[in-house]
Amino acid sequence: MPERRGPLFVTILVAVGLLIAVSAWLLTDPATSRADALRTGGLASGAVIALYALWLNDRRRRVEENRQRTERERHELELLRAERDRERVTDERFAKSVELLGHEADQVRVGALHALAGLARSNPEYTQTVLDVLCSYLRRPFPHPGYGDDTDEAEARREQQVRLAAQRQIQELLPPRGPEAVVYDLDLAGARLDRFHLKGRAVGRLYLQQAQLLHRTSFADAEFHGRVYLTALDSRGPITVAGAVFHQKVKLEGVHARHEVDFDGATFEAEVSIADGSFDGPVSFRDTRAAAVDLRRARFADHVDLRLAAEAVSLYNTEVDQAREVRLPAAWSLEPLAGGRARIRVGG
């Protein structure tokens, strides 16, 4: 209390002193009346009191601003603490889910996959990490009778269901194709995939080198923003790439497709290399557009439609079966070979 009364007490003393001093000074002038002298002295003392009031109001304002700033900083600290707690809980959920992927029970592994997918949906910053984990799971060794492996069929069937769940989660986590899509990369090199679909999805880079595909695979109407590597791919089911868009280079070198492959209406804005590819089933490139196509040493054993529009084409020992229907651009022709085979060449 004393420190609070100090400034006020001094102000009152100064005001009273100023009132007396000014009034007394003015009264020395015979032309000034007593009322005018008192009025002027009162104004002077009032000005001192007004200045004190202004100072006191400014002090209160600063105190209030400091209080508000302290409250704001405390609120920000609470938000930061809550965010860190949330991140800690999220990290623990992620670690636990990854750990459960190694569980013996297939239903527990499926639950872990759904938990990871839910984590990515509620925390978009985890999406690429979760996709990396799902891809890593699919890259694990997977013996299956469908690939000619000598293994327990019932156990393979249970593991297959888990892997199908992982593939579905990948498809659902990838955004639909569109100009505003946030793209993510997929690394499935060496994986064994069953009914793998990316239809209508937006993807960054895709790695499928030396992968094995069982049953139908679809990239129809998908959009790939990064490079796509399908080198030495072994497909044991139909592949659909119709309507897909590839913004960067695509490598299908050494691919072995045992069933039909449909590239109809696909767009390759950079080079697509199918060199050394082997196609046992029908292949169609009808209405396909490409910046450049490398078909060197590619072999087609069934019906093939190569009526594509490309700015540059590389042909060398590209062979087809003359007994099958072969459709070529107007400027291309066939050079007969032994054994019913034919080599494609540009020109008559």
Protein backbone atom coordinates (compact mmCIF):
# COMPACT_ATOMS: atom_id res chain seq x y z
CA MET A 1 0.00 0.00 0.00
CA PRO A 2 2.71 2.64 0.83
CA GLU A 3 4.21 2.40 -2.64
CA ARG A 4 0.78 2.82 -4.14
CA ARG A 5 0.02 5.95 -2.04
CA GLY A 6 3.47 7.51 -2.69
CA PRO A 7 2.81 8.89 -6.21
CA LEU A 8 -0.71 10.03 -5.31
CA PHE A 9 0.48 11.77 -2.14
CA VAL A 10 3.24 13.58 -4.05
CA THR A 11 0.77 14.55 -6.77
CA ILE A 12 -1.63 16.04 -4.22
CA LEU A 13 1.21 17.96 -2.55
CA VAL A 14 2.39 19.30 -5.91
CA ALA A 15 -1.17 20.25 -6.90
CA VAL A 16 -1.83 22.05 -3.62
CA GLY A 17 1.56 23.74 -3.72
CA LEU A 18 0.98 24.77 -7.34
CA LEU A 19 -2.49 26.11 -6.44
CA ILE A 20 -1.07 28.23 -3.64
CA ALA A 21 1.98 29.36 -5.59
CA VAL A 22 0.14 30.33 -8.77
CA SER A 23 -2.67 32.03 -6.88
CA ALA A 24 -0.23 33.94 -4.69
CA TRP A 25 1.87 34.99 -7.68
CA LEU A 26 -1.18 36.24 -9.58
CA LEU A 27 -2.46 38.15 -6.56
CA THR A 28 0.70 40.24 -6.65
CA ASP A 29 -0.75 41.83 -9.75
CA PRO A 30 -3.33 44.47 -8.70
CA ALA A 31 -5.19 43.95 -11.98
CA THR A 32 -5.95 40.30 -11.15
CA SER A 33 -8.94 39.56 -8.93
CA ARG A 34 -8.85 36.92 -6.21
CA ALA A 35 -11.35 34.76 -8.12
CA ASP A 36 -9.25 34.82 -11.29
CA ALA A 37 -6.13 33.96 -9.31
CA LEU A 38 -7.83 31.03 -7.61
CA ARG A 39 -9.30 29.84 -10.90
CA THR A 40 -5.93 29.92 -12.63
CA GLY A 41 -4.24 28.18 -9.70
CA GLY A 42 -6.97 25.57 -9.75
CA LEU A 43 -6.42 24.93 -13.44
CA ALA A 44 -2.69 24.47 -12.85
CA SER A 45 -3.23 22.03 -9.99
CA GLY A 46 -5.94 20.24 -12.01
CA ALA A 47 -3.50 19.78 -14.86
CA VAL A 48 -1.08 18.05 -12.49
CA ILE A 49 -3.84 15.73 -11.26
CA ALA A 50 -4.89 15.03 -14.89
CA LEU A 51 -1.31 14.11 -15.79
CA TYR A 52 -1.24 11.74 -12.82
CA ALA A 53 -4.50 10.18 -14.01
CA LEU A 54 -3.07 9.71 -17.50
CA TRP A 55 0.06 8.09 -16.08
CA LEU A 56 -2.02 5.81 -13.87
CA ASN A 57 -4.22 4.80 -16.81
CA ASP A 58 -1.16 4.04 -18.97
CA ARG A 59 0.29 1.95 -16.17
CA ARG A 60 -2.92 -0.04 -15.88
CA ARG A 61 -2.93 -0.55 -19.66
CA ARG A 62 0.63 -1.91 -19.61
CA VAL A 63 -0.22 -4.21 -16.73
CA GLU A 64 -3.25 -5.53 -18.63
CA GLU A 65 -1.20 -6.05 -21.80
CA ASN A 66 1.44 -7.94 -19.82
CA ARG A 67 -1.29 -10.07 -18.27
CA GLN A 68 -2.81 -10.84 -21.66
CA ARG A 69 0.62 -11.65 -23.11
CA THR A 70 1.36 -13.98 -20.19
CA GLU A 71 -2.04 -15.65 -20.65
CA ARG A 72 -1.43 -16.05 -24.38
CA GLU A 73 2.01 -17.57 -23.81
CA ARG A 74 0.56 -19.94 -21.22
CA HIS A 75 -2.16 -20.99 -23.70
CA GLU A 76 0.45 -21.55 -26.43
CA LEU A 77 2.52 -23.66 -24.05
CA GLU A 78 -0.56 -25.75 -23.23
CA LEU A 79 -1.27 -26.23 -26.94
CA LEU A 80 2.36 -27.22 -27.55
CA ARG A 81 2.25 -29.65 -24.67
CA ALA A 82 -1.01 -31.15 -25.96
CA GLU A 83 0.49 -31.43 -29.48
CA ARG A 84 3.56 -33.20 -28.14
CA ASP A 85 1.37 -35.55 -26.12
CA ARG A 86 -0.66 -36.28 -29.25
CA GLU A 87 2.51 -36.92 -31.26
CA ARG A 88 3.81 -39.21 -28.53
CA VAL A 89 0.56 -41.20 -28.51
CA THR A 90 0.59 -41.34 -32.32
CA ASP A 91 4.20 -42.57 -32.35
CA GLU A 92 3.32 -45.23 -29.79
CA ARG A 93 0.32 -46.35 -31.88
CA PHE A 94 2.51 -46.49 -34.98
CA ALA A 95 5.24 -48.50 -33.25
CA LYS A 96 2.71 -50.92 -31.74
CA SER A 97 0.97 -51.46 -35.09
CA VAL A 98 4.28 -52.13 -36.85
CA GLU A 99 5.19 -54.59 -34.12
CA LEU A 100 1.87 -56.43 -34.55
CA LEU A 101 2.59 -56.95 -38.25
CA GLY A 102 4.93 -59.70 -37.13
CA HIS A 103 2.25 -61.46 -35.07
CA GLU A 104 1.55 -65.12 -35.84
CA ALA A 105 -2.24 -64.68 -36.06
CA ASP A 106 -3.38 -63.40 -39.44
CA GLN A 107 -6.36 -61.53 -37.92
CA VAL A 108 -3.98 -59.58 -35.69
CA ARG A 109 -1.89 -58.62 -38.71
CA VAL A 110 -5.02 -57.44 -40.55
CA GLY A 111 -5.98 -55.37 -37.50
CA ALA A 112 -2.52 -53.81 -37.47
CA LEU A 113 -2.88 -52.89 -41.16
CA HIS A 114 -6.19 -51.16 -40.49
CA ALA A 115 -4.70 -49.36 -37.49
CA LEU A 116 -1.84 -48.04 -39.64
CA ALA A 117 -4.25 -46.90 -42.34
CA GLY A 118 -6.42 -45.14 -39.73
CA LEU A 119 -3.32 -43.46 -38.35
CA ALA A 120 -2.44 -42.13 -41.81
CA ARG A 121 -5.98 -40.81 -42.38
CA SER A 122 -6.04 -38.90 -39.09
CA ASN A 123 -2.41 -37.75 -39.47
CA PRO A 124 -1.67 -37.02 -43.16
CA GLU A 125 2.00 -36.41 -42.38
CA TYR A 126 2.26 -40.16 -41.65
CA THR A 127 0.81 -41.25 -45.01
CA GLN A 128 4.11 -41.77 -46.85
CA THR A 129 5.60 -43.58 -43.84
CA VAL A 130 2.57 -45.87 -43.55
CA LEU A 131 2.69 -46.59 -47.30
CA ASP A 132 6.38 -47.46 -46.95
CA VAL A 133 5.53 -49.91 -44.16
CA LEU A 134 2.70 -51.51 -46.18
CA CYS A 135 5.00 -51.85 -49.20
CA SER A 136 7.70 -53.33 -47.00
CA TYR A 137 5.23 -55.93 -45.73
CA LEU A 138 4.31 -56.86 -49.30
CA ARG A 139 7.98 -57.23 -50.20
CA ARG A 140 8.35 -60.01 -47.61
CA PRO A 141 8.84 -63.52 -49.02
CA PHE A 142 5.49 -65.08 -49.87
CA PRO A 143 5.53 -68.75 -50.92
CA HIS A 144 2.30 -69.60 -52.73
CA PRO A 145 1.14 -72.54 -54.87
CA GLY A 146 0.02 -70.06 -57.53
CA TYR A 147 3.68 -69.27 -58.15
CA GLY A 148 4.64 -72.93 -58.27
CA ASP A 149 6.00 -73.01 -54.69
CA ASP A 150 5.84 -76.13 -52.56
CA THR A 151 4.13 -74.76 -49.45
CA ASP A 152 1.19 -75.29 -47.12
CA GLU A 153 -1.84 -74.12 -49.11
CA ALA A 154 -4.00 -73.22 -46.08
CA GLU A 155 -1.26 -71.09 -44.54
CA ALA A 156 -0.61 -69.43 -47.90
CA ARG A 157 -4.32 -68.67 -48.23
CA ARG A 158 -4.41 -66.97 -44.81
CA GLU A 159 -1.33 -64.89 -45.58
CA GLN A 160 -2.82 -64.02 -48.96
CA GLN A 161 -5.84 -62.46 -47.25
CA VAL A 162 -3.53 -60.31 -45.12
CA ARG A 163 -1.63 -59.18 -48.19
CA LEU A 164 -4.86 -58.39 -50.04
CA ALA A 165 -5.84 -56.21 -47.07
CA ALA A 166 -2.49 -54.41 -47.31
CA GLN A 167 -3.03 -53.81 -51.04
CA ARG A 168 -6.51 -52.40 -50.39
CA GLN A 169 -5.13 -50.04 -47.78
CA ILE A 170 -2.51 -48.81 -50.25
CA GLN A 171 -5.17 -48.15 -52.87
CA GLU A 172 -7.42 -46.32 -50.39
CA LEU A 173 -4.59 -44.17 -49.01
CA LEU A 174 -3.57 -42.97 -52.47
CA PRO A 175 -5.58 -39.91 -53.53
CA PRO A 176 -7.81 -40.00 -56.61
CA ARG A 177 -6.28 -38.65 -59.79
CA GLY A 178 -6.66 -34.87 -60.05
CA PRO A 179 -4.78 -31.56 -60.27
CA GLU A 180 -4.80 -31.05 -56.48
CA ALA A 181 -3.75 -34.59 -55.55
CA VAL A 182 -0.88 -35.03 -53.09
CA VAL A 183 1.27 -37.78 -54.56
CA TYR A 184 3.10 -40.54 -52.70
CA ASP A 185 5.73 -43.04 -53.82
CA LEU A 186 5.37 -46.83 -53.81
CA ASP A 187 8.34 -49.18 -53.55
CA LEU A 188 7.16 -52.71 -54.35
CA ALA A 189 10.33 -53.98 -55.99
CA GLY A 190 10.48 -57.76 -55.81
CA ALA A 191 7.00 -58.06 -54.28
CA ARG A 192 4.48 -60.76 -55.07
CA LEU A 193 1.12 -59.09 -55.66
CA ASP A 194 -2.31 -60.58 -56.19
CA ARG A 195 -5.03 -58.52 -57.93
CA PHE A 196 -3.10 -55.30 -57.49
CA HIS A 197 -5.09 -52.22 -58.48
CA LEU A 198 -4.21 -48.52 -58.72
CA LYS A 199 -7.15 -47.62 -60.93
CA GLY A 200 -7.84 -43.90 -61.05
CA ARG A 201 -5.24 -43.08 -58.39
CA ALA A 202 -2.46 -40.48 -58.31
CA VAL A 203 1.01 -41.91 -57.66
CA GLY A 204 4.48 -40.41 -57.43
CA ARG A 205 7.25 -42.88 -58.25
CA LEU A 206 6.43 -46.57 -58.67
CA TYR A 207 9.04 -49.30 -58.26
CA LEU A 208 7.97 -52.78 -59.40
CA GLN A 209 11.29 -54.18 -60.60
CA GLN A 210 11.39 -57.98 -60.56
CA ALA A 211 7.92 -58.10 -59.05
CA GLN A 212 5.47 -60.93 -59.70
CA LEU A 213 1.82 -60.24 -60.46
CA LEU A 214 -0.84 -62.90 -60.00
CA HIS A 215 -4.31 -62.54 -61.53
CA ARG A 216 -5.46 -59.20 -62.95
CA THR A 217 -3.52 -55.97 -62.38
CA SER A 218 -4.98 -52.57 -63.20
CA PHE A 219 -3.32 -49.17 -63.66
CA ALA A 220 -6.29 -47.93 -65.72
CA ASP A 221 -6.87 -44.16 -65.62
CA ALA A 222 -4.14 -43.72 -63.00
CA GLU A 223 -1.74 -40.77 -63.11
CA PHE A 224 1.95 -41.30 -62.38
CA HIS A 225 3.89 -38.12 -61.57
CA GLY A 226 7.28 -39.80 -61.04
CA ARG A 227 9.30 -42.43 -62.86
CA VAL A 228 7.84 -45.92 -63.18
CA TYR A 229 10.12 -48.96 -63.07
CA LEU A 230 8.62 -52.30 -64.15
CA THR A 231 11.83 -53.92 -65.35
CA ALA A 232 11.97 -57.72 -65.30
CA LEU A 233 8.33 -57.83 -64.20
CA ASP A 234 6.66 -61.25 -64.32
CA SER A 235 2.92 -60.99 -64.88
CA ARG A 236 0.75 -64.11 -64.63
CA GLY A 237 -2.52 -62.30 -65.21
CA PRO A 238 -3.95 -59.59 -67.48
CA ILE A 239 -2.60 -56.04 -67.11
CA THR A 240 -4.71 -52.96 -67.85
CA VAL A 241 -2.99 -49.62 -68.38
CA ALA A 242 -5.78 -48.09 -70.50
CA GLY A 243 -6.21 -44.34 -70.06
CA ALA A 244 -3.28 -43.96 -67.65
CA VAL A 245 -1.01 -40.91 -67.81
CA PHE A 246 2.74 -41.10 -67.20
CA HIS A 247 4.53 -37.78 -66.77
CA GLN A 248 8.05 -39.20 -66.58
CA LYS A 249 10.04 -42.08 -68.03
CA VAL A 250 8.58 -45.59 -67.89
CA LYS A 251 10.79 -48.68 -68.00
CA LEU A 252 9.22 -52.01 -68.93
CA GLU A 253 12.47 -53.56 -70.04
CA GLY A 254 12.60 -57.33 -69.78
CA VAL A 255 8.95 -57.63 -68.73
CA HIS A 256 7.35 -61.05 -69.19
CA ALA A 257 3.57 -60.83 -69.61
CA ARG A 258 1.88 -64.21 -69.87
CA HIS A 259 -1.61 -62.79 -70.50
CA GLU A 260 -3.12 -59.82 -72.31
CA VAL A 261 -1.80 -56.29 -71.81
CA ASP A 262 -4.00 -53.30 -72.63
CA PHE A 263 -2.30 -49.91 -73.19
CA ASP A 264 -5.24 -48.41 -75.12
CA GLY A 265 -5.46 -44.64 -74.76
CA ALA A 266 -2.50 -44.37 -72.39
CA THR A 267 -0.30 -41.26 -72.50
CA PHE A 268 3.46 -41.37 -72.03
CA GLU A 269 4.78 -37.82 -71.88
CA ALA A 270 8.37 -39.10 -71.76
CA GLU A 271 10.04 -42.24 -73.13
CA VAL A 272 8.55 -45.65 -72.53
CA SER A 273 11.04 -48.49 -72.91
CA ILE A 274 9.74 -52.00 -73.60
CA ALA A 275 13.08 -53.30 -74.83
CA ASP A 276 13.58 -57.08 -74.41
CA GLY A 277 9.96 -57.48 -73.34
CA SER A 278 8.21 -60.80 -73.91
CA PHE A 279 4.43 -60.89 -74.39
CA ASP A 280 2.66 -64.24 -74.57
CA GLY A 281 -0.89 -62.83 -74.72
CA PRO A 282 -2.61 -60.17 -76.82
CA VAL A 283 -1.18 -56.65 -76.60
CA SER A 284 -2.87 -53.42 -77.69
CA PHE A 285 -1.38 -49.93 -77.98
CA ARG A 286 -4.34 -48.50 -79.88
CA ASP A 287 -4.62 -44.70 -79.51
CA THR A 288 -1.59 -44.66 -77.22
CA ARG A 289 0.49 -41.47 -77.31
CA ALA A 290 4.16 -41.33 -76.38
CA ALA A 291 7.11 -39.01 -76.69
CA ALA A 292 9.35 -41.97 -77.55
CA VAL A 293 8.96 -45.75 -77.61
CA ASP A 294 11.76 -48.29 -77.39
CA LEU A 295 10.64 -51.68 -78.77
CA ARG A 296 14.06 -53.15 -79.46
CA ARG A 297 14.16 -56.95 -79.14
CA ALA A 298 10.56 -57.05 -77.89
CA ARG A 299 8.73 -60.27 -78.80
CA PHE A 300 4.98 -60.59 -79.29
CA ALA A 301 3.52 -64.12 -79.46
CA ASP A 302 -0.20 -63.31 -79.85
CA HIS A 303 -2.39 -60.66 -81.44
CA VAL A 304 -0.77 -57.23 -81.28
CA ASP A 305 -2.02 -53.75 -82.12
CA LEU A 306 0.85 -51.25 -82.34
CA ARG A 307 -1.12 -48.37 -83.84
CA LEU A 308 0.34 -45.82 -81.47
CA ALA A 309 1.34 -42.21 -82.01
CA ALA A 310 4.98 -41.62 -81.03
CA GLU A 311 7.43 -38.88 -81.87
CA ALA A 312 10.28 -41.39 -81.96
CA VAL A 313 10.35 -45.19 -82.20
CA SER A 314 13.29 -47.57 -81.74
CA LEU A 315 12.94 -50.92 -83.54
CA TYR A 316 15.56 -53.65 -83.66
CA ASN A 317 14.74 -57.35 -83.90
CA THR A 318 11.19 -56.59 -82.76
CA GLU A 319 9.32 -59.77 -83.63
CA VAL A 320 5.69 -60.85 -83.98
CA ASP A 321 3.90 -64.05 -84.93
CA GLN A 322 2.66 -63.89 -88.53
CA ALA A 323 -0.07 -66.39 -87.75
CA ARG A 324 -1.66 -63.86 -85.37
CA GLU A 325 -3.39 -60.61 -86.19
CA VAL A 326 -0.82 -57.81 -86.31
CA ARG A 327 -1.92 -54.19 -86.69
CA LEU A 328 0.75 -51.60 -87.42
CA PRO A 329 0.95 -47.88 -88.23
CA ALA A 330 0.79 -47.14 -91.96
CA ALA A 331 4.54 -46.45 -92.18
CA TRP A 332 5.52 -49.81 -90.64
CA SER A 333 5.85 -53.18 -92.33
CA LEU A 334 6.74 -56.80 -91.59
CA GLU A 335 9.84 -58.65 -92.73
CA PRO A 336 9.16 -62.41 -92.76
CA LEU A 337 11.51 -64.67 -90.78
CA ALA A 338 11.86 -68.42 -90.40
CA GLY A 339 9.40 -70.37 -88.26
CA GLY A 340 6.41 -68.13 -88.99
CA ARG A 341 7.92 -65.14 -87.21
CA ALA A 342 8.28 -61.64 -88.65
CA ARG A 343 10.37 -58.63 -87.81
CA ILE A 344 8.80 -55.16 -87.61
CA ARG A 345 10.51 -52.39 -89.47
CA VAL A 346 9.74 -48.81 -90.42
CA GLY A 347 9.12 -48.37 -94.14
CA GLY A 348 8.17 -50.69 -96.95
